[in-house]
Protein backbone atom coordinates (compact mmCIF):
# COMPACT_ATOMS: atom_id res chain seq x y z
CA UNK A 1 91.16 55.53 98.30
CA UNK A 2 91.57 59.25 98.95
CA UNK A 3 93.39 58.82 102.26
CA UNK A 4 96.58 60.20 100.74
CA UNK A 5 94.85 63.61 100.58
CA UNK A 6 95.08 63.76 104.40
CA UNK A 7 98.86 63.62 104.26
CA UNK A 8 100.02 67.15 105.19
CA UNK A 9 102.63 67.54 102.43
CA UNK A 10 100.11 66.45 99.78
CA UNK A 11 97.53 68.90 101.08
CA UNK A 12 100.06 71.74 101.11
CA UNK A 13 101.15 71.02 97.53
CA UNK A 14 97.56 70.90 96.26
CA UNK A 15 96.61 74.10 98.08
CA UNK A 16 99.71 75.84 96.76
CA UNK A 17 98.86 74.82 93.19
CA UNK A 18 95.29 76.08 93.61
CA UNK A 19 96.42 79.43 95.05
CA UNK A 20 99.04 79.92 92.31
CA UNK A 21 96.44 79.16 89.61
CA UNK A 22 93.98 81.61 91.18
CA UNK A 23 96.61 84.35 91.50
CA UNK A 24 97.71 84.00 87.89
CA UNK A 25 94.10 84.08 86.70
CA UNK A 26 93.28 87.08 88.86
CA UNK A 27 96.39 88.86 87.55
CA UNK A 28 95.22 88.39 83.98
CA UNK A 29 91.79 89.83 84.64
CA UNK A 30 93.06 92.58 86.94
CA UNK A 31 94.76 94.06 83.89
CA UNK A 32 91.38 94.13 82.13
CA UNK A 33 89.55 95.49 85.17
CA UNK A 34 92.12 98.23 85.66
CA UNK A 35 91.91 99.31 82.02
CA UNK A 36 88.12 99.45 82.28
CA UNK A 37 88.20 101.37 85.56
CA UNK A 38 90.73 103.89 84.23
CA UNK A 39 88.65 104.32 81.08
CA UNK A 40 85.46 104.98 83.03
CA UNK A 41 87.13 107.48 85.35
CA UNK A 42 88.77 109.32 82.44
CA UNK A 43 85.69 109.29 80.17
CA UNK A 44 86.85 106.59 77.74
CA UNK A 45 85.44 103.24 76.66
CA UNK A 46 88.27 100.87 77.43
CA UNK A 47 88.77 97.42 75.84
CA UNK A 48 85.47 96.04 74.52
CA UNK A 49 86.32 94.20 71.27
CA UNK A 50 87.76 90.83 72.30
CA UNK A 51 84.70 88.93 73.43
CA UNK A 52 81.56 90.20 75.18
CA UNK A 53 82.47 93.28 77.22
CA UNK A 54 86.13 92.57 76.40
CA UNK A 55 86.38 89.53 78.68
CA UNK A 56 88.72 87.76 76.23
CA UNK A 57 91.17 90.67 76.20
CA UNK A 58 93.53 89.00 78.74
CA UNK A 59 93.61 85.90 76.50
CA UNK A 60 94.48 88.04 73.49
CA UNK A 61 97.18 89.86 75.47
CA UNK A 62 98.62 86.55 76.66
CA UNK A 63 98.82 85.19 73.13
CA UNK A 64 100.44 88.39 71.92
CA UNK A 65 103.08 88.21 74.67
CA UNK A 66 103.74 84.52 73.99
CA UNK A 67 104.45 85.04 70.29
CA UNK A 68 106.21 88.41 70.59
CA UNK A 69 109.89 88.41 69.70
CA UNK A 70 112.15 87.99 72.73
CA UNK A 71 115.03 90.45 72.31
CA UNK A 72 118.14 90.20 74.46
CA UNK A 73 120.33 93.35 74.38
CA UNK A 74 123.86 92.76 73.12
CA UNK A 75 125.39 94.40 76.22
CA UNK A 76 123.21 92.50 78.69
CA UNK A 77 124.47 89.97 81.23
CA UNK A 78 122.40 87.24 79.68
CA UNK A 79 121.94 84.77 82.55
CA UNK A 80 120.96 87.40 85.13
CA UNK A 81 118.87 89.20 82.52
CA UNK A 82 116.84 86.02 81.93
CA UNK A 83 116.29 85.00 85.57
CA UNK A 84 115.54 88.45 87.03
CA UNK A 85 111.81 88.46 86.09
CA UNK A 86 111.50 84.92 87.43
CA UNK A 87 112.91 86.05 90.79
CA UNK A 88 110.27 88.76 91.05
CA UNK A 89 107.42 86.33 90.32
CA UNK A 90 108.67 83.67 92.76
CA UNK A 91 109.04 86.22 95.54
CA UNK A 92 105.56 87.64 94.87
CA UNK A 93 103.95 84.19 94.98
CA UNK A 94 105.89 83.08 98.07
CA UNK A 95 104.74 86.06 100.14
CA UNK A 96 101.13 84.90 99.76
CA UNK A 97 101.72 81.55 101.46
CA UNK A 98 100.64 82.63 104.96
CA UNK A 99 97.57 84.71 104.06
CA UNK A 100 94.36 83.21 105.56
CA UNK A 101 91.66 83.63 102.92
CA UNK A 102 88.82 82.13 104.99
CA UNK A 103 87.85 80.53 108.28
CA UNK A 104 88.34 76.83 108.97
CA UNK A 105 85.87 74.23 107.76
CA UNK A 106 85.40 72.86 111.28
CA UNK A 107 85.66 73.83 114.90
CA UNK A 108 89.29 72.71 115.02
CA UNK A 109 92.13 73.65 112.65
CA UNK A 110 92.66 71.20 109.83
CA UNK A 111 95.16 70.71 107.04
CA UNK A 112 92.53 71.70 104.46
CA UNK A 113 91.73 75.06 106.04
CA UNK A 114 91.95 77.91 103.45
CA UNK A 115 95.50 78.91 104.31
CA UNK A 116 98.65 77.29 102.95
CA UNK A 117 100.74 77.63 106.09
CA UNK A 118 99.70 78.99 109.48
CA UNK A 119 103.13 79.63 110.96
CA UNK A 120 103.75 81.55 114.17
CA UNK A 121 105.88 84.13 112.35
CA UNK A 122 103.55 84.68 109.41
CA UNK A 123 103.79 88.48 109.32
CA UNK A 124 107.58 88.31 109.65
CA UNK A 125 107.62 85.90 106.70
CA UNK A 126 105.69 88.38 104.55
CA UNK A 127 107.99 91.28 105.46
CA UNK A 128 111.12 89.19 104.87
CA UNK A 129 110.01 87.75 101.53
CA UNK A 130 108.59 91.06 100.27
CA UNK A 131 111.89 92.79 100.91
CA UNK A 132 113.51 90.38 98.43
CA UNK A 133 111.31 91.65 95.61
CA UNK A 134 113.70 94.51 94.95
CA UNK A 135 116.41 92.03 93.89
CA UNK A 136 114.48 91.06 90.77
CA UNK A 137 114.13 94.70 89.77
CA UNK A 138 117.68 95.74 90.62
CA UNK A 139 119.24 92.74 88.88
CA UNK A 140 116.98 93.22 85.86
CA UNK A 141 117.88 96.91 85.54
CA UNK A 142 121.61 96.34 86.05
CA UNK A 143 121.85 93.32 83.73
CA UNK A 144 120.08 95.12 80.86
CA UNK A 145 123.19 97.14 80.03
CA UNK A 146 121.04 100.26 79.72
CA UNK A 147 121.73 103.39 81.77
CA UNK A 148 118.04 104.27 82.01
CA UNK A 149 117.32 100.76 83.31
CA UNK A 150 120.10 101.08 85.87
CA UNK A 151 118.74 104.41 87.11
CA UNK A 152 115.26 102.89 87.44
CA UNK A 153 116.68 99.95 89.39
CA UNK A 154 118.55 102.27 91.77
CA UNK A 155 115.39 104.29 92.28
CA UNK A 156 113.51 101.12 93.17
CA UNK A 157 116.15 100.11 95.72
CA UNK A 158 116.15 103.56 97.34
CA UNK A 159 112.37 103.59 97.39
CA UNK A 160 112.21 100.15 99.00
CA UNK A 161 114.67 101.13 101.75
CA UNK A 162 112.87 104.41 102.39
CA UNK A 163 109.40 102.94 102.84
CA UNK A 164 110.14 99.46 104.21
CA UNK A 165 111.06 100.93 107.60
CA UNK A 166 107.89 102.99 107.86
CA UNK A 167 105.78 100.02 106.76
CA UNK A 168 107.27 97.75 109.43
CA UNK A 169 106.83 100.31 112.19
CA UNK A 170 103.24 100.95 111.11
CA UNK A 171 102.45 97.28 111.72
CA UNK A 172 104.13 97.35 115.13
CA UNK A 173 101.01 98.74 116.79
CA UNK A 174 98.94 95.75 115.66
CA UNK A 175 101.59 93.38 116.97
CA UNK A 176 101.51 95.10 120.37
CA UNK A 177 97.77 94.53 120.65
CA UNK A 178 97.94 90.88 119.58
CA UNK A 179 101.33 89.75 120.92
CA UNK A 180 101.53 87.39 117.96
CA UNK A 181 103.00 87.29 114.46
CA UNK A 182 100.55 84.66 113.24
CA UNK A 183 98.12 86.03 110.66
CA UNK A 184 95.39 83.66 111.92
CA UNK A 185 95.92 84.76 115.53
CA UNK A 186 95.66 88.42 114.52
CA UNK A 187 92.22 87.79 113.00
CA UNK A 188 91.04 85.87 116.06
CA UNK A 189 92.31 88.63 118.36
CA UNK A 190 90.14 91.13 116.48
CA UNK A 191 87.19 88.76 116.93
CA UNK A 192 87.89 88.53 120.66
CA UNK A 193 88.16 92.31 121.07
CA UNK A 194 85.04 92.87 118.97
CA UNK A 195 86.68 95.53 116.77
CA UNK A 196 88.82 95.84 113.69
CA UNK A 197 92.30 97.17 114.32
CA UNK A 198 91.51 99.95 111.85
CA UNK A 199 89.69 101.66 114.72
CA UNK A 200 92.50 101.08 117.22
CA UNK A 201 95.29 101.95 114.77
CA UNK A 202 94.07 104.61 112.30
CA UNK A 203 97.50 106.23 112.05
CA UNK A 204 99.21 102.89 111.49
CA UNK A 205 96.70 102.02 108.78
CA UNK A 206 97.24 105.29 106.89
CA UNK A 207 101.03 104.90 107.04
CA UNK A 208 100.82 101.27 105.93
CA UNK A 209 98.65 102.08 102.90
CA UNK A 210 100.95 104.88 101.72
CA UNK A 211 104.08 102.78 102.25
CA UNK A 212 102.43 99.75 100.63
CA UNK A 213 101.63 101.72 97.48
CA UNK A 214 105.25 102.87 97.34
CA UNK A 215 106.48 99.30 97.90
CA UNK A 216 104.58 98.05 94.88
CA UNK A 217 105.88 100.89 92.66
CA UNK A 218 102.35 101.99 91.83
CA UNK A 219 101.26 105.50 90.86
CA UNK A 220 101.85 108.10 92.18
CA UNK A 221 105.04 106.35 93.39
CA UNK A 222 106.00 104.67 90.09
CA UNK A 223 109.34 106.50 89.89
CA UNK A 224 111.35 103.35 88.94
CA UNK A 225 109.45 103.30 85.62
CA UNK A 226 108.88 107.04 84.96
CA UNK A 227 108.51 106.94 81.19
CA UNK A 228 108.90 110.73 80.87
CA UNK A 229 112.31 110.60 82.54
CA UNK A 230 113.77 107.11 82.07
CA UNK A 231 111.99 105.81 78.94
CA UNK A 232 110.54 102.92 80.95
CA UNK A 233 113.09 102.58 83.74
CA UNK A 234 114.10 99.04 84.63
CA UNK A 235 111.56 97.73 82.08
CA UNK A 236 113.16 99.51 79.10
CA UNK A 237 114.95 96.46 77.67
CA UNK A 238 112.27 93.87 78.54
CA UNK A 239 109.54 92.76 76.16
CA UNK A 240 107.19 89.87 75.59
CA UNK A 241 106.88 87.27 78.32
CA UNK A 242 109.73 88.72 80.40
CA UNK A 243 107.97 92.07 80.55
CA UNK A 244 104.70 90.36 81.47
CA UNK A 245 106.45 88.52 84.33
CA UNK A 246 107.37 91.85 85.90
CA UNK A 247 103.79 93.04 85.46
CA UNK A 248 102.57 89.81 87.00
CA UNK A 249 104.74 90.31 90.08
CA UNK A 250 103.48 93.89 90.45
CA UNK A 251 99.82 92.88 90.42
CA UNK A 252 100.41 89.92 92.76
CA UNK A 253 102.22 92.28 95.14
CA UNK A 254 99.16 94.53 94.98
CA UNK A 255 97.00 91.58 96.03
CA UNK A 256 99.41 90.74 98.86
CA UNK A 257 99.48 94.32 100.18
CA UNK A 258 95.68 94.43 100.02
CA UNK A 259 95.43 91.05 101.77
CA UNK A 260 97.73 92.14 104.59
CA UNK A 261 95.71 95.35 105.05
CA UNK A 262 92.52 93.29 105.10
CA UNK A 263 93.91 90.80 107.61
CA UNK A 264 95.58 93.23 110.01
CA UNK A 265 93.20 96.19 109.96
CA UNK A 266 89.82 94.96 108.63
CA UNK A 267 89.36 91.64 110.40
CA UNK A 268 90.39 89.45 107.48
CA UNK A 269 87.61 87.03 106.54
CA UNK A 270 85.44 88.07 109.52
CA UNK A 271 82.41 90.36 109.40
CA UNK A 272 80.97 90.55 112.93
CA UNK A 273 79.58 87.01 112.87
CA UNK A 274 78.24 86.96 109.31
CA UNK A 275 81.17 84.82 108.18
CA UNK A 276 79.35 81.79 109.64
CA UNK A 277 76.25 82.38 107.53
CA UNK A 278 77.11 79.39 105.34
CA UNK A 279 80.33 77.45 104.55
CA UNK A 280 82.64 79.42 102.31
CA UNK A 281 81.01 82.79 102.98
CA UNK A 282 84.13 83.90 104.86
CA UNK A 283 86.11 83.52 101.61
CA UNK A 284 83.61 85.78 99.83
CA UNK A 285 84.02 88.40 102.58
CA UNK A 286 87.79 88.27 102.21
CA UNK A 287 87.58 88.61 98.41
CA UNK A 288 85.26 91.63 98.64
CA UNK A 289 87.53 93.43 101.10
CA UNK A 290 90.61 92.81 98.96
CA UNK A 291 88.72 93.95 95.85
CA UNK A 292 87.94 97.28 97.54
CA UNK A 293 91.64 97.86 98.17
CA UNK A 294 92.52 96.90 94.60
CA UNK A 295 89.97 99.40 93.30
CA UNK A 296 91.64 102.02 95.52
CA UNK A 297 94.99 101.27 93.83
CA UNK A 298 93.39 101.80 90.41
CA UNK A 299 91.57 104.94 91.54
CA UNK A 300 94.85 106.51 92.66
CA UNK A 301 96.50 105.69 89.35
CA UNK A 302 93.67 107.40 87.45
CA UNK A 303 93.67 110.59 89.51
CA UNK A 304 97.06 111.42 91.03
CA UNK A 305 100.10 112.55 89.01
CA UNK A 306 103.55 111.11 89.60
CA UNK A 307 105.33 113.01 92.36
CA UNK A 308 108.85 114.37 92.09
CA UNK A 309 111.63 112.07 93.28
CA UNK A 310 112.98 114.40 95.97
CA UNK A 311 109.46 114.74 97.36
CA UNK A 312 109.13 110.95 97.36
CA UNK A 313 112.23 110.68 99.55
CA UNK A 314 111.09 113.55 101.75
CA UNK A 315 107.70 111.95 102.31
CA UNK A 316 109.29 108.67 103.32
CA UNK A 317 112.05 109.91 105.62
CA UNK A 318 110.78 113.20 107.03
CA UNK A 319 107.05 112.51 107.34
CA UNK A 320 106.12 108.82 107.34
CA UNK A 321 109.05 107.52 109.38
CA UNK A 322 108.62 110.00 112.31
CA UNK A 323 104.86 109.40 112.29
CA UNK A 324 105.36 105.63 112.31
CA UNK A 325 107.78 105.89 115.23
CA UNK A 326 105.33 108.16 117.07
CA UNK A 327 102.53 105.66 116.48
CA UNK A 328 104.67 102.86 117.90
CA UNK A 329 105.44 104.91 121.02
CA UNK A 330 101.80 105.88 121.57
CA UNK A 331 100.61 102.30 121.14
CA UNK A 332 103.35 101.05 123.46
CA UNK A 333 102.20 103.45 126.18
CA UNK A 334 98.56 102.38 125.76
CA UNK A 335 99.44 98.67 125.96
CA UNK A 336 101.91 99.11 128.85
CA UNK A 337 99.38 100.94 131.03
CA UNK A 338 96.53 98.65 129.90
CA UNK A 339 94.42 101.56 128.70
CA UNK A 340 91.37 100.99 126.46
CA UNK A 341 91.97 100.64 122.73
CA UNK A 342 90.08 103.86 121.94
CA UNK A 343 92.81 105.90 123.63
CA UNK A 344 95.16 104.80 120.86
CA UNK A 345 92.44 105.57 118.32
CA UNK A 346 91.89 109.14 119.55
CA UNK A 347 95.64 109.79 119.72
CA UNK A 348 96.14 108.45 116.19
CA UNK A 349 93.31 110.56 114.74
CA UNK A 350 94.69 113.66 116.47
CA UNK A 351 98.15 113.05 114.97
CA UNK A 352 96.62 112.58 111.49
CA UNK A 353 94.68 115.87 111.72
CA UNK A 354 97.69 117.81 112.99
CA UNK A 355 99.93 116.30 110.28
CA UNK A 356 97.45 117.23 107.53
CA UNK A 357 97.22 120.81 108.81
CA UNK A 358 101.01 121.18 108.94
CA UNK A 359 101.47 119.67 105.47
CA UNK A 360 98.84 121.99 104.03
CA UNK A 361 100.41 125.00 105.71
CA UNK A 362 103.87 124.03 104.44
CA UNK A 363 102.54 123.67 100.89
CA UNK A 364 101.25 127.25 101.02
CA UNK A 365 104.58 128.49 102.36
CA UNK A 366 106.54 126.73 99.61
CA UNK A 367 104.13 127.95 96.93
CA UNK A 368 103.09 124.52 95.70
CA UNK A 369 99.35 124.83 96.32
CA UNK A 370 96.58 127.03 94.93
CA UNK A 371 94.69 129.27 97.30
CA UNK A 372 91.85 131.76 97.10
CA UNK A 373 92.53 135.44 97.60
CA UNK A 374 90.29 137.50 99.83
CA UNK A 375 87.49 134.94 99.81
CA UNK A 376 86.41 136.19 96.37
CA UNK A 377 87.17 132.96 94.56
CA UNK A 378 90.22 134.46 92.80
CA UNK A 379 92.90 131.80 92.39
CA UNK A 380 96.43 132.78 93.36
CA UNK A 381 98.90 130.67 91.41
CA UNK A 382 101.95 129.16 93.12
CA UNK A 383 105.21 131.07 92.71
CA UNK A 384 106.61 128.19 90.66
CA UNK A 385 103.96 128.67 87.95
CA UNK A 386 104.76 131.15 85.18
CA UNK A 387 101.75 132.41 83.25
CA UNK A 388 102.02 133.25 79.59
CA UNK A 389 99.53 135.53 77.87
CA UNK A 390 99.11 135.54 74.10
CA UNK A 391 97.98 138.70 72.29
CA UNK A 392 97.33 138.96 68.55
CA UNK A 393 99.59 141.37 66.63
CA UNK A 394 98.23 143.32 63.66
CA UNK A 395 100.09 142.70 60.36
CA UNK A 396 102.62 145.37 59.33
CA UNK A 397 100.81 146.04 56.03
CA UNK A 398 97.79 144.89 54.15
CA UNK A 399 100.01 143.37 51.45
CA UNK A 400 101.63 140.99 53.94
CA UNK A 401 98.39 139.84 55.48
CA UNK A 402 96.54 137.20 53.49
CA UNK A 403 93.42 135.22 54.16
CA UNK A 404 95.35 131.94 54.37
CA UNK A 405 98.06 133.17 56.76
CA UNK A 406 97.45 132.54 60.47
CA UNK A 407 97.61 135.62 62.71
CA UNK A 408 100.94 136.09 64.42
CA UNK A 409 101.07 136.00 68.17
CA UNK A 410 103.59 137.08 70.65
CA UNK A 411 104.06 135.74 74.15
CA UNK A 412 104.14 138.15 77.02
CA UNK A 413 105.22 136.72 80.36
CA UNK A 414 103.18 137.88 83.32
């Protein structure tokens, strides 16, 4: 009766529907979790009215977005304006198709294994599809007919180009160790070597995380939105469900970036043999690892300020790209001469330490970092900071001064 479930195309469709439903549900509650996390870090309460502990807040937000008025700007290119958010969501969902979220149910691969498609170019698929995400943002910003939106869209395109190269090179070291683009093969190679590639590729992991945060337009790299500069950037003219579609794509991209980091650098669903503890435990391991990365995204948003745009470009082109190329060269030498994996690890850690020292030294030279003077705990402000000291000024006469009048102050620049 249920033999049709063993037809590959039927299994793929059902698994795709399940994954899409899970992603949309997780997106809704990620918004709640992020608001709670930000509130706790910043000493606030966060949403706690809609349901116990605020668990119905995503439902309330969804209803609000569904019934909110959908405004189309008079100068907008209507067709492109309407389909741009849909493009972003489709691209975000498609990139997740090759992520293995658990081990197989049997000793041999089956069509019902927890992965939609195990293709031999899985990582290449993710990189190719993810690079299309910028089209939804660029088309949405351009079609809005708003100059702020257009500037935000151009920023997003420049940011994508700047960090996509570094991100791809950072993953090159993993590919050299595995000689495969299949996400499933990469996990099995880590099992065979008995290590996570985090230990063999520490430099590649650091570069990937930084570039991945920039790819998803998350703080401190959320320059395409930049409400202080561009109102809301490419989102300025979007509201209601269209605005929520862009937010949905951003959170799904966060999950994808976290899943790729988990798969390539943290062994995916494996945990040194514990994944076989009972059926389905490998999925729990994968979910926990991804959740740790998602918390890291939220932590950064709560603590780091938005960086300046020229420094964003400088970080991508002058720091990350040379380091990613250096990591690829070092890994290539290790693989070519068949040296142990820890040689690449030691070299990567040394490069990270040297880079941090040089960056810190450069920040002192440019006057963008605080430092202590003479070891006495006296802070020396950067040259770019101008201090202002306020001193009270006595009234000219007793007749002018009254009990209700506030004391005058004058500003003296130090």
